C-alpha atoms as a PDB file:
ATOM      1  CA  MET A   1      -0.083  -0.034   0.183  1.00  0.00           C
ATOM      2  CA  LYS A   2       1.406   3.187  -0.957  1.00  0.00           C
ATOM      3  CA  ARG A   3      -0.775   6.235  -0.044  1.00  0.00           C
ATOM      4  CA  SER A   4      -1.193   8.602  -3.111  1.00  0.00           C
ATOM      5  CA  THR A   5      -0.911  12.340  -2.842  1.00  0.00           C
ATOM      6  CA  LEU A   6      -4.696  12.257  -3.515  1.00  0.00           C
ATOM      7  CA  PHE A   7      -5.433  10.092  -0.643  1.00  0.00           C
ATOM      8  CA  CYS A   8      -3.272  11.914   1.806  1.00  0.00           C
ATOM      9  CA  ALA A   9      -5.209  15.129   0.567  1.00  0.00           C
ATOM     10  CA  VAL A  10      -8.357  13.445   1.481  1.00  0.00           C
ATOM     11  CA  LEU A  11      -7.604  12.352   4.878  1.00  0.00           C
ATOM     12  CA  LEU A  12      -6.487  16.186   5.499  1.00  0.00           C
ATOM     13  CA  LEU A  13      -9.881  17.210   4.019  1.00  0.00           C
ATOM     14  CA  ALA A  14     -11.499  14.817   6.293  1.00  0.00           C
ATOM     15  CA  GLY A  15     -10.181  16.249   9.507  1.00  0.00           C
ATOM     16  CA  ALA A  16     -10.588  19.841   8.573  1.00  0.00           C
ATOM     17  CA  ALA A  17     -12.068  20.990   5.243  1.00  0.00           C
ATOM     18  CA  GLN A  18     -10.285  24.371   5.433  1.00  0.00           C
ATOM     19  CA  ALA A  19      -6.772  24.740   6.353  1.00  0.00           C
ATOM     20  CA  GLU A  20      -5.389  27.991   7.842  1.00  0.00           C
ATOM     21  CA  ASP A  21      -2.511  29.789   6.093  1.00  0.00           C
ATOM     22  CA  GLY A  22       1.190  29.062   7.037  1.00  0.00           C
ATOM     23  CA  LEU A  23       3.676  26.345   6.894  1.00  0.00           C
ATOM     24  CA  SER A  24       3.298  22.777   8.606  1.00  0.00           C
ATOM     25  CA  PHE A  25       5.748  19.849   8.803  1.00  0.00           C
ATOM     26  CA  GLY A  26       4.663  15.982   9.181  1.00  0.00           C
ATOM     27  CA  ILE A  27       5.772  12.503   9.740  1.00  0.00           C
ATOM     28  CA  GLY A  28       4.078   9.442   9.398  1.00  0.00           C
ATOM     29  CA  ALA A  29       4.452   5.710   9.086  1.00  0.00           C
ATOM     30  CA  ASP A  30       2.708   3.409   6.411  1.00  0.00           C
ATOM     31  CA  TYR A  31       2.918  -0.377   6.637  1.00  0.00           C
ATOM     32  CA  SER A  32       1.078  -3.107   4.269  1.00  0.00           C
ATOM     33  CA  SER A  33       1.138  -6.660   3.288  1.00  0.00           C
ATOM     34  CA  GLY A  34      -0.042  -8.814   0.422  1.00  0.00           C
ATOM     35  CA  ASP A  35       0.704 -11.171  -2.185  1.00  0.00           C
ATOM     36  CA  TYR A  36      -0.639  -9.391  -5.160  1.00  0.00           C
ATOM     37  CA  GLY A  37      -1.971 -12.351  -6.875  1.00  0.00           C
ATOM     38  CA  SER A  38       1.602 -14.189  -6.257  1.00  0.00           C
ATOM     39  CA  ASP A  39       2.930 -16.933  -4.167  1.00  0.00           C
ATOM     40  CA  THR A  40       5.326 -14.513  -2.424  1.00  0.00           C
ATOM     41  CA  THR A  41       4.060 -12.002   0.200  1.00  0.00           C
ATOM     42  CA  THR A  42       5.578  -8.567  -0.061  1.00  0.00           C
ATOM     43  CA  THR A  43       5.738  -5.989   3.148  1.00  0.00           C
ATOM     44  CA  ILE A  44       6.064  -2.430   2.427  1.00  0.00           C
ATOM     45  CA  LEU A  45       7.150   0.176   5.293  1.00  0.00           C
ATOM     46  CA  SER A  46       7.000   3.955   4.401  1.00  0.00           C
ATOM     47  CA  VAL A  47       7.999   6.722   6.602  1.00  0.00           C
ATOM     48  CA  PRO A  48       7.044   9.865   4.957  1.00  0.00           C
ATOM     49  CA  PHE A  49       8.492  13.193   5.932  1.00  0.00           C
ATOM     50  CA  THR A  50       6.081  16.233   4.465  1.00  0.00           C
ATOM     51  CA  ALA A  51       6.154  19.979   4.431  1.00  0.00           C
ATOM     52  CA  LYS A  52       2.983  22.053   3.372  1.00  0.00           C
ATOM     53  CA  TYR A  53       2.442  25.486   2.659  1.00  0.00           C
ATOM     54  CA  THR A  54      -0.997  27.262   2.531  1.00  0.00           C
ATOM     55  CA  THR A  55      -1.505  30.569   1.434  1.00  0.00           C
ATOM     56  CA  GLY A  56      -4.965  31.929   0.386  1.00  0.00           C
ATOM     57  CA  ASP A  57      -6.786  29.378  -2.106  1.00  0.00           C
ATOM     58  CA  TRP A  58      -3.385  27.709  -2.852  1.00  0.00           C
ATOM     59  CA  ALA A  59      -1.763  24.821  -0.964  1.00  0.00           C
ATOM     60  CA  PHE A  60       1.925  23.258  -1.870  1.00  0.00           C
ATOM     61  CA  LYS A  61       3.163  20.017  -0.531  1.00  0.00           C
ATOM     62  CA  ALA A  62       6.258  17.943  -0.782  1.00  0.00           C
ATOM     63  CA  SER A  63       6.713  14.364   0.640  1.00  0.00           C
ATOM     64  CA  LEU A  64       9.713  12.292   0.527  1.00  0.00           C
ATOM     65  CA  PRO A  65       9.561   8.832   2.313  1.00  0.00           C
ATOM     66  CA  TRP A  66      12.205   6.491   3.661  1.00  0.00           C
ATOM     67  CA  MET A  67      11.196   2.954   2.561  1.00  0.00           C
ATOM     68  CA  ARG A  68      11.917  -0.661   3.313  1.00  0.00           C
ATOM     69  CA  VAL A  69      10.364  -3.252   0.881  1.00  0.00           C
ATOM     70  CA  ASP A  70      10.727  -7.037   1.486  1.00  0.00           C
ATOM     71  CA  GLY A  71       9.263  -9.540  -1.177  1.00  0.00           C
ATOM     72  CA  ASP A  72       8.815  -9.858  -4.826  1.00  0.00           C
ATOM     73  CA  PRO A  73      10.917  -7.538  -7.074  1.00  0.00           C
ATOM     74  CA  ASN A  74       7.574  -7.346  -9.422  1.00  0.00           C
ATOM     75  CA  VAL A  75       5.949  -5.367  -6.766  1.00  0.00           C
ATOM     76  CA  VAL A  76       6.817  -1.887  -6.895  1.00  0.00           C
ATOM     77  CA  PRO A  77       5.637   0.871  -4.115  1.00  0.00           C
ATOM     78  CA  GLY A  78       2.888   2.945  -5.559  1.00  0.00           C
ATOM     79  CA  LEU A  79       2.148   0.644  -8.481  1.00  0.00           C
ATOM     80  CA  GLY A  80       1.600  -2.879  -7.065  1.00  0.00           C
ATOM     81  CA  SER A  81       2.397  -6.016  -9.092  1.00  0.00           C
ATOM     82  CA  VAL A  82       3.959  -5.143 -12.561  1.00  0.00           C
ATOM     83  CA  LEU A  83       6.411  -6.907 -14.913  1.00  0.00           C
ATOM     84  CA  ASN A  84       9.893  -5.544 -13.675  1.00  0.00           C
ATOM     85  CA  LEU A  85      12.687  -6.952 -16.041  1.00  0.00           C
ATOM     86  CA  ASN A  86      15.552  -5.090 -14.381  1.00  0.00           C
ATOM     87  CA  PRO A  87      18.214  -7.967 -13.688  1.00  0.00           C
ATOM     88  CA  ALA A  88      19.489  -5.936 -10.689  1.00  0.00           C
ATOM     89  CA  GLY A  89      15.937  -6.011  -9.230  1.00  0.00           C
ATOM     90  CA  ARG A  90      15.153  -6.578  -5.518  1.00  0.00           C
ATOM     91  CA  GLY A  91      16.399 -10.314  -4.649  1.00  0.00           C
ATOM     92  CA  ARG A  92      17.998 -10.798  -8.019  1.00  0.00           C
ATOM     93  CA  GLY A  93      21.736  -9.818  -7.445  1.00  0.00           C
ATOM     94  CA  THR A  94      23.473  -6.773  -8.579  1.00  0.00           C
ATOM     95  CA  GLY A  95      23.128  -7.087 -12.185  1.00  0.00           C
ATOM     96  CA  GLY A  96      24.066  -8.967 -15.226  1.00  0.00           C
ATOM     97  CA  THR A  97      22.440 -12.413 -15.237  1.00  0.00           C
ATOM     98  CA  PRO A  98      19.854 -12.243 -12.680  1.00  0.00           C
ATOM     99  CA  THR A  99      19.960 -14.845  -9.842  1.00  0.00           C
ATOM    100  CA  THR A 100      16.974 -17.383  -9.361  1.00  0.00           C
ATOM    101  CA  ALA A 101      15.835 -15.605  -6.278  1.00  0.00           C
ATOM    102  CA  GLU A 102      12.453 -13.876  -6.820  1.00  0.00           C
ATOM    103  CA  SER A 103      12.277 -12.180  -3.251  1.00  0.00           C
ATOM    104  CA  GLY A 104      14.873  -9.776  -1.215  1.00  0.00           C
ATOM    105  CA  THR A 105      14.696  -6.916   1.142  1.00  0.00           C
ATOM    106  CA  GLU A 106      16.043  -3.401   0.349  1.00  0.00           C
ATOM    107  CA  SER A 107      15.731  -0.120   1.934  1.00  0.00           C
ATOM    108  CA  GLY A 108      16.377   3.910   1.324  1.00  0.00           C
ATOM    109  CA  LEU A 109      14.812   6.917  -0.020  1.00  0.00           C
ATOM    110  CA  GLY A 110      11.641   6.678  -2.034  1.00  0.00           C
ATOM    111  CA  ASP A 111      10.394   8.846  -4.581  1.00  0.00           C
ATOM    112  CA  LEU A 112       9.752  12.669  -3.964  1.00  0.00           C
ATOM    113  CA  ARG A 113       6.042  13.892  -4.601  1.00  0.00           C
ATOM    114  CA  LEU A 114       4.805  17.446  -5.155  1.00  0.00           C
ATOM    115  CA  ALA A 115       1.540  18.768  -5.347  1.00  0.00           C
ATOM    116  CA  ALA A 116      -0.107  22.193  -5.857  1.00  0.00           C
ATOM    117  CA  THR A 117      -3.794  22.597  -5.030  1.00  0.00           C
ATOM    118  CA  TYR A 118      -6.054  25.493  -5.868  1.00  0.00           C
ATOM    119  CA  SER A 119      -9.431  25.605  -3.762  1.00  0.00           C
ATOM    120  CA  LEU A 120     -12.268  27.122  -6.071  1.00  0.00           C
ATOM    121  CA  ASP A 121     -14.725  29.604  -4.476  1.00  0.00           C
ATOM    122  CA  THR A 122     -17.817  28.215  -5.782  1.00  0.00           C
ATOM    123  CA  GLY A 123     -20.041  30.788  -3.750  1.00  0.00           C
ATOM    124  CA  THR A 124     -21.974  27.636  -2.296  1.00  0.00           C
ATOM    125  CA  ALA A 125     -21.418  25.184   0.208  1.00  0.00           C
ATOM    126  CA  LEU A 126     -19.639  22.894  -2.254  1.00  0.00           C
ATOM    127  CA  GLY A 127     -16.017  23.013  -2.061  1.00  0.00           C
ATOM    128  CA  VAL A 128     -13.862  22.156  -5.208  1.00  0.00           C
ATOM    129  CA  ASP A 129      -9.985  21.516  -5.222  1.00  0.00           C
ATOM    130  CA  LEU A 130      -8.119  21.219  -8.355  1.00  0.00           C
ATOM    131  CA  THR A 131      -4.678  19.684  -8.022  1.00  0.00           C
ATOM    132  CA  ALA A 132      -1.420  19.255 -10.092  1.00  0.00           C
ATOM    133  CA  ASN A 133       0.955  16.552  -8.929  1.00  0.00           C
ATOM    134  CA  ALA A 134       4.216  15.137  -9.695  1.00  0.00           C
ATOM    135  CA  LYS A 135       6.381  12.204  -8.820  1.00  0.00           C
ATOM    136  CA  ILE A 136      10.014  12.615  -9.220  1.00  0.00           C
ATOM    137  CA  ALA A 137      11.919   9.562  -9.311  1.00  0.00           C
ATOM    138  CA  THR A 138      14.460   9.715  -6.648  1.00  0.00           C
ATOM    139  CA  ALA A 139      13.990   6.075  -5.422  1.00  0.00           C
ATOM    140  CA  ASP A 140      16.387   3.521  -6.358  1.00  0.00           C
ATOM    141  CA  GLU A 141      15.031   1.291  -9.177  1.00  0.00           C
ATOM    142  CA  ASP A 142      17.797  -1.412  -8.795  1.00  0.00           C
ATOM    143  CA  LYS A 143      16.618  -1.606  -5.291  1.00  0.00           C
ATOM    144  CA  GLY A 144      12.962  -1.859  -6.565  1.00  0.00           C
ATOM    145  CA  LEU A 145      11.954   0.968  -4.728  1.00  0.00           C
ATOM    146  CA  GLY A 146      10.491   3.155  -7.692  1.00  0.00           C
ATOM    147  CA  THR A 147      10.006   2.754 -11.506  1.00  0.00           C
ATOM    148  CA  GLY A 148      13.062   5.201 -12.391  1.00  0.00           C
ATOM    149  CA  ALA A 149      10.699   7.518 -14.173  1.00  0.00           C
ATOM    150  CA  ASN A 150       8.692  10.487 -13.452  1.00  0.00           C
ATOM    151  CA  ASP A 151       4.873  10.547 -13.334  1.00  0.00           C
ATOM    152  CA  TYR A 152       2.706  13.850 -13.725  1.00  0.00           C
ATOM    153  CA  GLY A 153      -0.936  14.008 -12.919  1.00  0.00           C
ATOM    154  CA  VAL A 154      -4.278  16.019 -12.155  1.00  0.00           C
ATOM    155  CA  ALA A 155      -7.072  15.743  -9.888  1.00  0.00           C
ATOM    156  CA  VAL A 156     -10.490  17.254  -9.028  1.00  0.00           C
ATOM    157  CA  ASP A 157     -11.800  16.893  -5.457  1.00  0.00           C
ATOM    158  CA  LEU A 158     -15.359  17.911  -4.122  1.00  0.00           C
ATOM    159  CA  TYR A 159     -16.529  18.020  -0.710  1.00  0.00           C
ATOM    160  CA  ARG A 160     -19.432  19.284   1.363  1.00  0.00           C
ATOM    161  CA  ASP A 161     -20.340  19.361   4.987  1.00  0.00           C
ATOM    162  CA  PHE A 162     -23.832  18.631   6.176  1.00  0.00           C
ATOM    163  CA  ASP A 163     -24.066  19.720   9.890  1.00  0.00           C
ATOM    164  CA  GLY A 164     -20.816  17.886  10.796  1.00  0.00           C
ATOM    165  CA  THR A 165     -21.195  14.907   8.028  1.00  0.00           C
ATOM    166  CA  LEU A 166     -18.498  15.609   5.285  1.00  0.00           C
ATOM    167  CA  LEU A 167     -19.160  14.073   2.150  1.00  0.00           C
ATOM    168  CA  PHE A 168     -16.049  13.723  -0.533  1.00  0.00           C
ATOM    169  CA  GLY A 169     -15.135  12.187  -3.643  1.00  0.00           C
ATOM    170  CA  GLY A 170     -12.655  12.848  -6.433  1.00  0.00           C
ATOM    171  CA  VAL A 171     -11.207  11.659  -9.884  1.00  0.00           C
ATOM    172  CA  GLY A 172      -7.686  12.005 -11.202  1.00  0.00           C
ATOM    173  CA  TYR A 173      -5.476  11.043 -14.129  1.00  0.00           C
ATOM    174  CA  THR A 174      -1.837  10.337 -14.021  1.00  0.00           C
ATOM    175  CA  ALA A 175       0.511   9.650 -16.695  1.00  0.00           C
ATOM    176  CA  LEU A 176       2.848   7.192 -15.542  1.00  0.00           C
ATOM    177  CA  GLY A 177       6.618   7.310 -16.975  1.00  0.00           C
ATOM    178  CA  ASP A 178       8.105   4.247 -18.422  1.00  0.00           C
ATOM    179  CA  SER A 179      11.597   3.202 -17.484  1.00  0.00           C
ATOM    180  CA  THR A 180      14.257   1.060 -19.170  1.00  0.00           C
ATOM    181  CA  TYR A 181      12.695  -1.997 -17.120  1.00  0.00           C
ATOM    182  CA  ILE A 182       9.110  -1.484 -16.444  1.00  0.00           C
ATOM    183  CA  ASP A 183       6.339  -0.751 -19.082  1.00  0.00           C
ATOM    184  CA  VAL A 184       3.509   1.196 -17.776  1.00  0.00           C
ATOM    185  CA  GLY A 185       0.569   3.268 -19.018  1.00  0.00           C
ATOM    186  CA  SER A 186      -1.691   6.310 -17.851  1.00  0.00           C
ATOM    187  CA  VAL A 187      -4.150   5.426 -15.135  1.00  0.00           C
ATOM    188  CA  LEU A 188      -7.346   6.857 -13.916  1.00  0.00           C
ATOM    189  CA  ASN A 189      -8.466   6.902 -10.125  1.00  0.00           C
ATOM    190  CA  ALA A 190     -11.820   7.877  -8.298  1.00  0.00           C
ATOM    191  CA  ASN A 191     -12.429   7.865  -4.668  1.00  0.00           C
ATOM    192  CA  ALA A 192     -15.550   8.428  -2.426  1.00  0.00           C
ATOM    193  CA  GLY A 193     -16.062   8.646   1.104  1.00  0.00           C
ATOM    194  CA  ALA A 194     -17.562  10.415   4.136  1.00  0.00           C
ATOM    195  CA  SER A 195     -16.459  11.339   7.594  1.00  0.00           C
ATOM    196  CA  TRP A 196     -18.390  12.503  10.764  1.00  0.00           C
ATOM    197  CA  LYS A 197     -17.252  14.721  13.671  1.00  0.00           C
ATOM    198  CA  VAL A 198     -16.641  12.750  17.065  1.00  0.00           C
ATOM    199  CA  GLY A 199     -15.614  14.967  19.750  1.00  0.00           C
ATOM    200  CA  ASN A 200     -12.989  17.274  18.693  1.00  0.00           C
ATOM    201  CA  GLY A 201     -12.000  14.768  16.083  1.00  0.00           C
ATOM    202  CA  SER A 202     -13.377  13.148  13.113  1.00  0.00           C
ATOM    203  CA  VAL A 203     -14.209   9.367  11.930  1.00  0.00           C
ATOM    204  CA  GLY A 204     -14.553   8.120   8.491  1.00  0.00           C
ATOM    205  CA  ALA A 205     -14.347   5.736   5.548  1.00  0.00           C
ATOM    206  CA  MET A 206     -13.504   5.784   1.930  1.00  0.00           C
ATOM    207  CA  TYR A 207     -13.290   3.578  -1.201  1.00  0.00           C
ATOM    208  CA  ASP A 208     -10.335   4.205  -3.660  1.00  0.00           C
ATOM    209  CA  TRP A 209     -10.037   2.718  -7.033  1.00  0.00           C
ATOM    210  CA  ARG A 210      -7.444   3.078  -9.647  1.00  0.00           C
ATOM    211  CA  ALA A 211      -7.091   1.355 -12.945  1.00  0.00           C
ATOM    212  CA  ALA A 212      -4.160  -1.167 -13.475  1.00  0.00           C
ATOM    213  CA  ALA A 213      -0.656   0.453 -14.627  1.00  0.00           C
ATOM    214  CA  SER A 214      -0.030  -2.274 -17.155  1.00  0.00           C
ATOM    215  CA  ASP A 215      -1.705  -5.189 -18.886  1.00  0.00           C
ATOM    216  CA  GLU A 216       0.062  -7.639 -16.257  1.00  0.00           C
ATOM    217  CA  ALA A 217      -1.348  -5.742 -13.350  1.00  0.00           C
ATOM    218  CA  ASP A 218      -4.833  -5.568 -11.853  1.00  0.00           C
ATOM    219  CA  ASP A 219      -6.923  -2.605 -10.890  1.00  0.00           C
ATOM    220  CA  ARG A 220      -6.381  -1.253  -7.266  1.00  0.00           C
ATOM    221  CA  SER A 221      -9.562  -1.441  -5.122  1.00  0.00           C
ATOM    222  CA  GLU A 222      -9.607  -0.964  -1.276  1.00  0.00           C
ATOM    223  CA  LEU A 223     -11.604   0.474   1.797  1.00  0.00           C
ATOM    224  CA  THR A 224     -10.109   2.652   4.174  1.00  0.00           C
ATOM    225  CA  GLY A 225     -11.294   3.594   7.725  1.00  0.00           C
ATOM    226  CA  PHE A 226      -9.647   6.564   9.458  1.00  0.00           C
ATOM    227  CA  TYR A 227      -9.932   8.546  12.718  1.00  0.00           C
ATOM    228  CA  SER A 228      -8.438  12.383  12.737  1.00  0.00           C
ATOM    229  CA  PHE A 229      -8.003  14.192  16.021  1.00  0.00           C
ATOM    230  CA  PRO A 230      -5.872  17.138  17.472  1.00  0.00           C
ATOM    231  CA  ALA A 231      -2.761  16.036  19.501  1.00  0.00           C
ATOM    232  CA  GLY A 232      -2.090  19.707  20.669  1.00  0.00           C
ATOM    233  CA  GLU A 233      -2.882  23.281  19.943  1.00  0.00           C
ATOM    234  CA  ARG A 234      -1.280  23.207  16.604  1.00  0.00           C
ATOM    235  CA  THR A 235      -0.927  19.420  15.896  1.00  0.00           C
ATOM    236  CA  LYS A 236      -3.063  16.641  14.523  1.00  0.00           C
ATOM    237  CA  MET A 237      -2.811  12.976  14.371  1.00  0.00           C
ATOM    238  CA  GLN A 238      -4.388  10.494  11.907  1.00  0.00           C
ATOM    239  CA  VAL A 239      -4.606   6.720  11.994  1.00  0.00           C
ATOM    240  CA  TYR A 240      -6.271   4.429   9.405  1.00  0.00           C
ATOM    241  CA  ALA A 241      -6.344   0.897   8.486  1.00  0.00           C
ATOM    242  CA  VAL A 242      -6.858  -0.600   4.752  1.00  0.00           C
ATOM    243  CA  LYS A 243      -8.630  -3.582   3.387  1.00  0.00           C
ATOM    244  CA  GLY A 244      -7.651  -4.695  -0.031  1.00  0.00           C
ATOM    245  CA  LEU A 245     -10.327  -6.018  -2.273  1.00  0.00           C
ATOM    246  CA  SER A 246      -8.356  -7.027  -5.353  1.00  0.00           C
ATOM    247  CA  ASP A 247      -4.949  -8.421  -6.297  1.00  0.00           C
ATOM    248  CA  GLY A 248      -3.839  -4.777  -7.174  1.00  0.00           C
ATOM    249  CA  SER A 249      -4.075  -3.821  -3.500  1.00  0.00           C
ATOM    250  CA  PRO A 250      -2.252  -5.153  -0.452  1.00  0.00           C
ATOM    251  CA  ASP A 251      -4.200  -7.626   1.700  1.00  0.00           C
ATOM    252  CA  TRP A 252      -4.300  -5.082   4.348  1.00  0.00           C
ATOM    253  CA  GLY A 253      -2.478  -2.139   5.629  1.00  0.00           C
ATOM    254  CA  ALA A 254      -2.367   0.426   8.501  1.00  0.00           C
ATOM    255  CA  GLY A 255      -0.630   3.799   9.273  1.00  0.00           C
ATOM    256  CA  LEU A 256      -0.516   7.001  11.139  1.00  0.00           C
ATOM    257  CA  SER A 257       0.512  10.501  10.652  1.00  0.00           C
ATOM    258  CA  LEU A 258       1.536  13.441  12.874  1.00  0.00           C
ATOM    259  CA  SER A 259       1.525  16.857  11.443  1.00  0.00           C
ATOM    260  CA  THR A 260       2.170  20.434  13.251  1.00  0.00           C
ATOM    261  CA  SER A 261       1.543  23.779  11.889  1.00  0.00           C
ATOM    262  CA  PHE A 262       3.513  27.203  12.531  1.00  0.00           C
END
């Protein structure tokens, strides 16, 4: 399970529909496990460091994770199971003629993710966010931590509060970059969910779908439950659990994030 920029935005949205101007920093932990339709279980641990700056109707976000991946070299964080022909892939040795191993463990920095979001003033209770995002290939493709190519995407998110019940949903399009060893195409994604005020926090659920990244992969389909609550005057914490519904998603996952504004 790799939480997308869109997913993170939805979680923040569920906690507070309108963010205050200023700078915030965050750290999190995300763990998932699944076989992705293979005979090998792959686990992914991601510890993202994030920075976000909000000014007026604009919000800018950057995230860079440290990662540890254990399992099938054909499972790439953020994509799921794809055909990875890299002879130096995770568990296959150091290049040249690949070994027979089809499982290994690697760690290091993941891909840098950037996003810019503009919140439209609709003049109504309906909120509309327009986002442009990019994944910069800073992860080591030989370790199987990324594809080694940049991705670029756009998204539209809608949300509205009904006396403490927040309904939200969105669609997105991402042009995935092909690398030397991984052939992928452009993908569509969509999500929908709701959150409810519980004391000073919010509890909610969402469904997330994304088209398969290649002919060898499966669509991603998963359900997420989350709880967002204040952990201080300017600090917020979120915890969540994920259940995969297809071979394109992990079997299960869980995580938390902590953000502080200045």
